[in-house]
Amino acid sequence: MHKSPCLVKGRCQDKKTDSPEKDCNHERAGMGKHHLVLGSMQDILSEQTIEDNHDNRYRQKLAKLLLDAGYTKQNISSHIPLVLKCDEKRALIHLDFLVKPHGKAAILIRYGPGSIVTRRTPGRAAALLMDAPLLLVTNGEDAELLETRTGNLLSRGLNSIPPPEDLPPVQPAAPPLTPSIEERCHRILYAFEVNDACPCDDAVCHLDTEKL
């Protein structure tokens, strides 16, 4: 079985740069070789050509929902890199969408197939690290809007995305994460996104800590 270079001995071995993101820029989240590739399609946000697969179709659906809700392409960041730390281990994952209508993180959107309930805990961990007060977890067919800090369920359904006018122009400053909470967020994400990843999923990149 062909293995991604990011999964061979747990390191990125085919590209050597000074940036973890550059080391793994060949790894596109949701575009691993274990997906059924249906062809190619144009990304609605970047207008770049990407692989046409079921996960990317759902991501395009979510991007369109964001635009329909009133956000501009400039308000939406996608495929956001995040380096996870767990003891001496490092891994690079990518987050689906981060909505910043007023230049500050407002909503983190985490997509994944299957049960959205299982996305709550790692989603909140990611949203805390990104300092996003709201979290939308979705499987592309259903969704939950959560308050990041408390985990309170605010709304359910794909129509849960709040329009820009419903967000305060100035988000109240949240207290910074304590080192222990930040470490816990990294560990939670590492457990869900890295340790629990499918062996043939090349969307996760294990980084060479000697280069960091």
C-alpha atoms as a PDB file:
ATOM      1  CA  MET A   1       0.000   0.000   0.000  1.00  0.00           C
ATOM      2  CA  HIS A   2       1.303   3.433  -0.903  1.00  0.00           C
ATOM      3  CA  LYS A   3       1.928   5.595   2.135  1.00  0.00           C
ATOM      4  CA  SER A   4       1.985   9.341   2.255  1.00  0.00           C
ATOM      5  CA  PRO A   5       5.477  10.734   2.857  1.00  0.00           C
ATOM      6  CA  CYS A   6       4.018  12.420   5.943  1.00  0.00           C
ATOM      7  CA  LEU A   7       3.163   9.038   7.421  1.00  0.00           C
ATOM      8  CA  VAL A   8       6.419   7.245   6.665  1.00  0.00           C
ATOM      9  CA  LYS A   9       8.200   6.911   9.999  1.00  0.00           C
ATOM     10  CA  GLY A  10       6.015   9.745  11.231  1.00  0.00           C
ATOM     11  CA  ARG A  11       7.916  12.484   9.411  1.00  0.00           C
ATOM     12  CA  CYS A  12       7.733  14.685   6.344  1.00  0.00           C
ATOM     13  CA  GLN A  13      10.635  13.329   4.379  1.00  0.00           C
ATOM     14  CA  ASP A  14      10.158  14.453   0.821  1.00  0.00           C
ATOM     15  CA  LYS A  15      10.308  18.220   1.325  1.00  0.00           C
ATOM     16  CA  LYS A  16      12.829  20.146   3.403  1.00  0.00           C
ATOM     17  CA  THR A  17      12.043  23.781   4.142  1.00  0.00           C
ATOM     18  CA  ASP A  18      12.116  26.069   7.144  1.00  0.00           C
ATOM     19  CA  SER A  19       8.317  26.138   7.430  1.00  0.00           C
ATOM     20  CA  PRO A  20       6.119  23.298   8.725  1.00  0.00           C
ATOM     21  CA  GLU A  21       3.354  24.551   6.429  1.00  0.00           C
ATOM     22  CA  LYS A  22       5.674  24.429   3.413  1.00  0.00           C
ATOM     23  CA  ASP A  23       6.862  20.975   4.429  1.00  0.00           C
ATOM     24  CA  CYS A  24       3.283  19.781   4.163  1.00  0.00           C
ATOM     25  CA  ASN A  25       1.710  22.038   1.572  1.00  0.00           C
ATOM     26  CA  HIS A  26       1.216  18.967  -0.602  1.00  0.00           C
ATOM     27  CA  GLU A  27      -1.208  17.599   1.979  1.00  0.00           C
ATOM     28  CA  ARG A  28      -4.713  19.010   1.435  1.00  0.00           C
ATOM     29  CA  ALA A  29      -7.172  18.300   4.219  1.00  0.00           C
ATOM     30  CA  GLY A  30     -10.017  16.132   3.006  1.00  0.00           C
ATOM     31  CA  MET A  31      -8.158  15.243  -0.164  1.00  0.00           C
ATOM     32  CA  GLY A  32      -6.343  12.113   0.978  1.00  0.00           C
ATOM     33  CA  LYS A  33      -5.811   9.176  -1.321  1.00  0.00           C
ATOM     34  CA  HIS A  34      -8.481   7.225   0.560  1.00  0.00           C
ATOM     35  CA  HIS A  35     -11.167   9.438  -1.011  1.00  0.00           C
ATOM     36  CA  LEU A  36     -13.020   8.568  -4.159  1.00  0.00           C
ATOM     37  CA  VAL A  37     -11.836  11.168  -6.652  1.00  0.00           C
ATOM     38  CA  LEU A  38     -14.627  12.116  -9.033  1.00  0.00           C
ATOM     39  CA  GLY A  39     -12.641  14.592 -11.096  1.00  0.00           C
ATOM     40  CA  SER A  40     -11.822  18.235 -10.464  1.00  0.00           C
ATOM     41  CA  MET A  41     -13.796  21.279  -9.416  1.00  0.00           C
ATOM     42  CA  GLN A  42     -13.282  24.990  -8.782  1.00  0.00           C
ATOM     43  CA  ASP A  43     -13.057  26.130  -5.188  1.00  0.00           C
ATOM     44  CA  ILE A  44     -15.722  28.775  -4.626  1.00  0.00           C
ATOM     45  CA  LEU A  45     -13.482  30.875  -2.365  1.00  0.00           C
ATOM     46  CA  SER A  46     -10.014  30.656  -3.892  1.00  0.00           C
ATOM     47  CA  GLU A  47     -11.218  29.917  -7.452  1.00  0.00           C
ATOM     48  CA  GLN A  48      -8.424  27.346  -7.647  1.00  0.00           C
ATOM     49  CA  THR A  49      -8.901  23.865  -9.074  1.00  0.00           C
ATOM     50  CA  ILE A  50      -9.267  21.193  -6.406  1.00  0.00           C
ATOM     51  CA  GLU A  51     -10.154  17.526  -6.380  1.00  0.00           C
ATOM     52  CA  ASP A  52     -13.814  16.687  -6.715  1.00  0.00           C
ATOM     53  CA  ASN A  53     -14.665  14.308  -3.880  1.00  0.00           C
ATOM     54  CA  HIS A  54     -17.553  13.950  -1.465  1.00  0.00           C
ATOM     55  CA  ASP A  55     -15.882  15.888   1.361  1.00  0.00           C
ATOM     56  CA  ASN A  56     -14.898  18.767  -0.886  1.00  0.00           C
ATOM     57  CA  ARG A  57     -18.447  18.927  -2.238  1.00  0.00           C
ATOM     58  CA  TYR A  58     -19.695  19.410   1.310  1.00  0.00           C
ATOM     59  CA  ARG A  59     -17.027  22.044   1.948  1.00  0.00           C
ATOM     60  CA  GLN A  60     -18.144  23.897  -1.170  1.00  0.00           C
ATOM     61  CA  LYS A  61     -21.717  23.696   0.097  1.00  0.00           C
ATOM     62  CA  LEU A  62     -20.615  25.235   3.412  1.00  0.00           C
ATOM     63  CA  ALA A  63     -18.660  27.980   1.651  1.00  0.00           C
ATOM     64  CA  LYS A  64     -21.750  28.870  -0.381  1.00  0.00           C
ATOM     65  CA  LEU A  65     -23.851  28.978   2.794  1.00  0.00           C
ATOM     66  CA  LEU A  66     -21.375  31.445   4.282  1.00  0.00           C
ATOM     67  CA  LEU A  67     -21.547  33.652   1.192  1.00  0.00           C
ATOM     68  CA  ASP A  68     -25.334  33.414   1.130  1.00  0.00           C
ATOM     69  CA  ALA A  69     -25.402  34.450   4.800  1.00  0.00           C
ATOM     70  CA  GLY A  70     -23.740  37.720   3.818  1.00  0.00           C
ATOM     71  CA  TYR A  71     -20.034  37.114   4.373  1.00  0.00           C
ATOM     72  CA  THR A  72     -17.554  38.102   1.701  1.00  0.00           C
ATOM     73  CA  LYS A  73     -14.683  35.960   0.473  1.00  0.00           C
ATOM     74  CA  GLN A  74     -12.364  38.321   2.316  1.00  0.00           C
ATOM     75  CA  ASN A  75     -14.198  37.472   5.561  1.00  0.00           C
ATOM     76  CA  ILE A  76     -13.542  33.748   5.199  1.00  0.00           C
ATOM     77  CA  SER A  77     -10.264  31.919   5.670  1.00  0.00           C
ATOM     78  CA  SER A  78     -10.134  28.275   4.610  1.00  0.00           C
ATOM     79  CA  HIS A  79      -7.736  25.375   4.999  1.00  0.00           C
ATOM     80  CA  ILE A  80      -6.103  27.061   8.001  1.00  0.00           C
ATOM     81  CA  PRO A  81      -2.884  25.349   9.146  1.00  0.00           C
ATOM     82  CA  LEU A  82      -2.507  24.470  12.824  1.00  0.00           C
ATOM     83  CA  VAL A  83       0.545  22.805  14.346  1.00  0.00           C
ATOM     84  CA  LEU A  84      -0.383  20.505  17.219  1.00  0.00           C
ATOM     85  CA  LYS A  85       1.952  19.724  20.097  1.00  0.00           C
ATOM     86  CA  CYS A  86       1.800  16.630  22.262  1.00  0.00           C
ATOM     87  CA  ASP A  87       4.865  16.107  24.431  1.00  0.00           C
ATOM     88  CA  GLU A  88       7.711  15.850  21.910  1.00  0.00           C
ATOM     89  CA  LYS A  89       5.416  15.110  18.984  1.00  0.00           C
ATOM     90  CA  ARG A  90       4.284  17.632  16.398  1.00  0.00           C
ATOM     91  CA  ALA A  91       1.678  17.314  13.663  1.00  0.00           C
ATOM     92  CA  LEU A  92       0.135  19.662  11.151  1.00  0.00           C
ATOM     93  CA  ILE A  93      -3.617  19.664  10.542  1.00  0.00           C
ATOM     94  CA  HIS A  94      -5.869  22.075   8.669  1.00  0.00           C
ATOM     95  CA  LEU A  95      -9.088  23.666   9.868  1.00  0.00           C
ATOM     96  CA  ASP A  96     -11.940  24.074   7.410  1.00  0.00           C
ATOM     97  CA  PHE A  97     -13.175  27.664   7.751  1.00  0.00           C
ATOM     98  CA  LEU A  98     -12.551  30.620  10.031  1.00  0.00           C
ATOM     99  CA  VAL A  99     -14.976  33.532   9.669  1.00  0.00           C
ATOM    100  CA  LYS A 100     -13.582  36.981  10.509  1.00  0.00           C
ATOM    101  CA  PRO A 101     -16.176  39.608   9.518  1.00  0.00           C
ATOM    102  CA  HIS A 102     -14.535  42.428  11.475  1.00  0.00           C
ATOM    103  CA  GLY A 103     -10.919  41.324  11.245  1.00  0.00           C
ATOM    104  CA  LYS A 104     -11.187  39.155  14.344  1.00  0.00           C
ATOM    105  CA  ALA A 105     -12.060  35.478  14.578  1.00  0.00           C
ATOM    106  CA  ALA A 106     -15.794  35.016  15.099  1.00  0.00           C
ATOM    107  CA  ILE A 107     -16.818  31.534  13.927  1.00  0.00           C
ATOM    108  CA  LEU A 108     -14.761  28.406  13.420  1.00  0.00           C
ATOM    109  CA  ILE A 109     -16.379  25.807  11.173  1.00  0.00           C
ATOM    110  CA  ARG A 110     -15.320  22.190  11.522  1.00  0.00           C
ATOM    111  CA  TYR A 111     -16.554  19.701   8.955  1.00  0.00           C
ATOM    112  CA  GLY A 112     -16.379  15.933   9.221  1.00  0.00           C
ATOM    113  CA  PRO A 113     -18.503  13.045   7.964  1.00  0.00           C
ATOM    114  CA  GLY A 114     -20.583  11.046  10.410  1.00  0.00           C
ATOM    115  CA  SER A 115     -21.926  12.054  13.795  1.00  0.00           C
ATOM    116  CA  ILE A 116     -21.561  15.742  14.604  1.00  0.00           C
ATOM    117  CA  VAL A 117     -21.754  14.994  18.336  1.00  0.00           C
ATOM    118  CA  THR A 118     -18.265  13.507  18.176  1.00  0.00           C
ATOM    119  CA  ARG A 119     -17.010  16.759  16.631  1.00  0.00           C
ATOM    120  CA  ARG A 120     -17.917  18.906  19.613  1.00  0.00           C
ATOM    121  CA  THR A 121     -14.918  18.238  21.856  1.00  0.00           C
ATOM    122  CA  PRO A 122     -12.134  18.554  19.254  1.00  0.00           C
ATOM    123  CA  GLY A 123     -14.031  21.416  17.633  1.00  0.00           C
ATOM    124  CA  ARG A 124     -14.129  23.387  20.880  1.00  0.00           C
ATOM    125  CA  ALA A 125     -10.435  22.692  21.416  1.00  0.00           C
ATOM    126  CA  ALA A 126      -9.646  24.085  17.963  1.00  0.00           C
ATOM    127  CA  ALA A 127     -11.941  27.082  18.435  1.00  0.00           C
ATOM    128  CA  LEU A 128     -10.261  27.918  21.746  1.00  0.00           C
ATOM    129  CA  LEU A 129      -6.834  27.831  20.104  1.00  0.00           C
ATOM    130  CA  MET A 130      -8.100  30.059  17.281  1.00  0.00           C
ATOM    131  CA  ASP A 131      -9.814  32.409  19.769  1.00  0.00           C
ATOM    132  CA  ALA A 132     -13.160  31.992  17.986  1.00  0.00           C
ATOM    133  CA  PRO A 133     -16.136  32.595  20.315  1.00  0.00           C
ATOM    134  CA  LEU A 134     -18.495  30.513  18.155  1.00  0.00           C
ATOM    135  CA  LEU A 135     -18.092  27.019  16.733  1.00  0.00           C
ATOM    136  CA  LEU A 136     -20.134  25.352  14.000  1.00  0.00           C
ATOM    137  CA  VAL A 137     -19.666  21.579  13.770  1.00  0.00           C
ATOM    138  CA  THR A 138     -21.219  19.922  10.757  1.00  0.00           C
ATOM    139  CA  ASN A 139     -21.283  16.807   8.605  1.00  0.00           C
ATOM    140  CA  GLY A 140     -22.612  18.758   5.636  1.00  0.00           C
ATOM    141  CA  GLU A 141     -26.203  17.644   6.210  1.00  0.00           C
ATOM    142  CA  ASP A 142     -26.745  18.821   9.785  1.00  0.00           C
ATOM    143  CA  ALA A 143     -24.952  21.288  12.041  1.00  0.00           C
ATOM    144  CA  GLU A 144     -24.702  22.588  15.584  1.00  0.00           C
ATOM    145  CA  LEU A 145     -23.731  26.093  16.603  1.00  0.00           C
ATOM    146  CA  LEU A 146     -21.950  26.103  19.955  1.00  0.00           C
ATOM    147  CA  GLU A 147     -20.567  28.714  22.270  1.00  0.00           C
ATOM    148  CA  THR A 148     -16.883  27.866  22.387  1.00  0.00           C
ATOM    149  CA  ARG A 149     -16.079  28.664  26.012  1.00  0.00           C
ATOM    150  CA  THR A 150     -19.137  27.051  27.591  1.00  0.00           C
ATOM    151  CA  GLY A 151     -20.051  24.422  25.015  1.00  0.00           C
ATOM    152  CA  ASN A 152     -23.663  25.590  25.159  1.00  0.00           C
ATOM    153  CA  LEU A 153     -25.741  24.594  22.139  1.00  0.00           C
ATOM    154  CA  LEU A 154     -27.101  27.769  20.555  1.00  0.00           C
ATOM    155  CA  SER A 155     -28.774  26.406  17.441  1.00  0.00           C
ATOM    156  CA  ARG A 156     -29.125  23.289  15.312  1.00  0.00           C
ATOM    157  CA  GLY A 157     -29.279  22.925  11.533  1.00  0.00           C
ATOM    158  CA  LEU A 158     -27.369  24.250   8.540  1.00  0.00           C
ATOM    159  CA  ASN A 159     -29.285  27.525   8.868  1.00  0.00           C
ATOM    160  CA  SER A 160     -27.494  28.101  12.190  1.00  0.00           C
ATOM    161  CA  ILE A 161     -24.799  30.267  10.621  1.00  0.00           C
ATOM    162  CA  PRO A 162     -25.453  33.743  12.048  1.00  0.00           C
ATOM    163  CA  PRO A 163     -25.337  36.567   9.476  1.00  0.00           C
ATOM    164  CA  PRO A 164     -22.691  39.272   9.906  1.00  0.00           C
ATOM    165  CA  GLU A 165     -25.216  41.777  11.244  1.00  0.00           C
ATOM    166  CA  ASP A 166     -25.979  39.433  14.161  1.00  0.00           C
ATOM    167  CA  LEU A 167     -22.351  39.518  15.297  1.00  0.00           C
ATOM    168  CA  PRO A 168     -21.112  42.428  17.397  1.00  0.00           C
ATOM    169  CA  PRO A 169     -18.723  44.670  15.445  1.00  0.00           C
ATOM    170  CA  VAL A 170     -16.295  44.431  18.345  1.00  0.00           C
ATOM    171  CA  GLN A 171     -15.964  41.057  19.995  1.00  0.00           C
ATOM    172  CA  PRO A 172     -15.405  41.278  23.762  1.00  0.00           C
ATOM    173  CA  ALA A 173     -11.845  40.317  24.581  1.00  0.00           C
ATOM    174  CA  ALA A 174     -11.719  36.794  25.960  1.00  0.00           C
ATOM    175  CA  PRO A 175      -9.223  36.024  28.693  1.00  0.00           C
ATOM    176  CA  PRO A 176      -6.122  34.323  27.300  1.00  0.00           C
ATOM    177  CA  LEU A 177      -5.898  30.579  27.649  1.00  0.00           C
ATOM    178  CA  THR A 178      -3.895  29.362  30.589  1.00  0.00           C
ATOM    179  CA  PRO A 179      -0.916  27.154  29.682  1.00  0.00           C
ATOM    180  CA  SER A 180      -2.689  24.105  31.098  1.00  0.00           C
ATOM    181  CA  ILE A 181      -5.858  24.681  29.037  1.00  0.00           C
ATOM    182  CA  GLU A 182      -3.816  25.364  25.896  1.00  0.00           C
ATOM    183  CA  GLU A 183      -1.879  22.133  26.442  1.00  0.00           C
ATOM    184  CA  ARG A 184      -5.144  20.248  26.982  1.00  0.00           C
ATOM    185  CA  CYS A 185      -6.546  21.625  23.720  1.00  0.00           C
ATOM    186  CA  HIS A 186      -3.475  20.433  21.834  1.00  0.00           C
ATOM    187  CA  ARG A 187      -3.708  16.987  23.426  1.00  0.00           C
ATOM    188  CA  ILE A 188      -7.413  16.660  22.628  1.00  0.00           C
ATOM    189  CA  LEU A 189      -6.864  17.614  19.003  1.00  0.00           C
ATOM    190  CA  TYR A 190      -3.840  15.335  18.710  1.00  0.00           C
ATOM    191  CA  ALA A 191      -5.877  12.416  20.039  1.00  0.00           C
ATOM    192  CA  PHE A 192      -8.850  13.023  17.733  1.00  0.00           C
ATOM    193  CA  GLU A 193      -7.163  14.323  14.593  1.00  0.00           C
ATOM    194  CA  VAL A 194      -3.809  12.517  14.594  1.00  0.00           C
ATOM    195  CA  ASN A 195      -3.924   9.370  16.715  1.00  0.00           C
ATOM    196  CA  ASP A 196      -7.455   8.549  15.588  1.00  0.00           C
ATOM    197  CA  ALA A 197      -6.828   9.331  11.918  1.00  0.00           C
ATOM    198  CA  CYS A 198      -7.333   6.659   9.285  1.00  0.00           C
ATOM    199  CA  PRO A 199      -3.946   5.019   8.465  1.00  0.00           C
ATOM    200  CA  CYS A 200      -4.430   5.884   4.790  1.00  0.00           C
ATOM    201  CA  ASP A 201      -5.412   9.496   5.476  1.00  0.00           C
ATOM    202  CA  ASP A 202      -2.694  11.807   4.165  1.00  0.00           C
ATOM    203  CA  ALA A 203      -4.407  14.948   5.435  1.00  0.00           C
ATOM    204  CA  VAL A 204      -2.351  14.740   8.649  1.00  0.00           C
ATOM    205  CA  CYS A 205       1.341  15.519   8.534  1.00  0.00           C
ATOM    206  CA  HIS A 206       3.686  14.358  11.280  1.00  0.00           C
ATOM    207  CA  LEU A 207       6.432  16.939  11.585  1.00  0.00           C
ATOM    208  CA  ASP A 208      10.137  16.403  12.153  1.00  0.00           C
ATOM    209  CA  THR A 209      10.692  18.064  15.539  1.00  0.00           C
ATOM    210  CA  GLU A 210      14.393  18.448  14.805  1.00  0.00           C
ATOM    211  CA  LYS A 211      13.477  21.142  12.266  1.00  0.00           C
ATOM    212  CA  LEU A 212      11.138  23.121  14.526  1.00  0.00           C
END
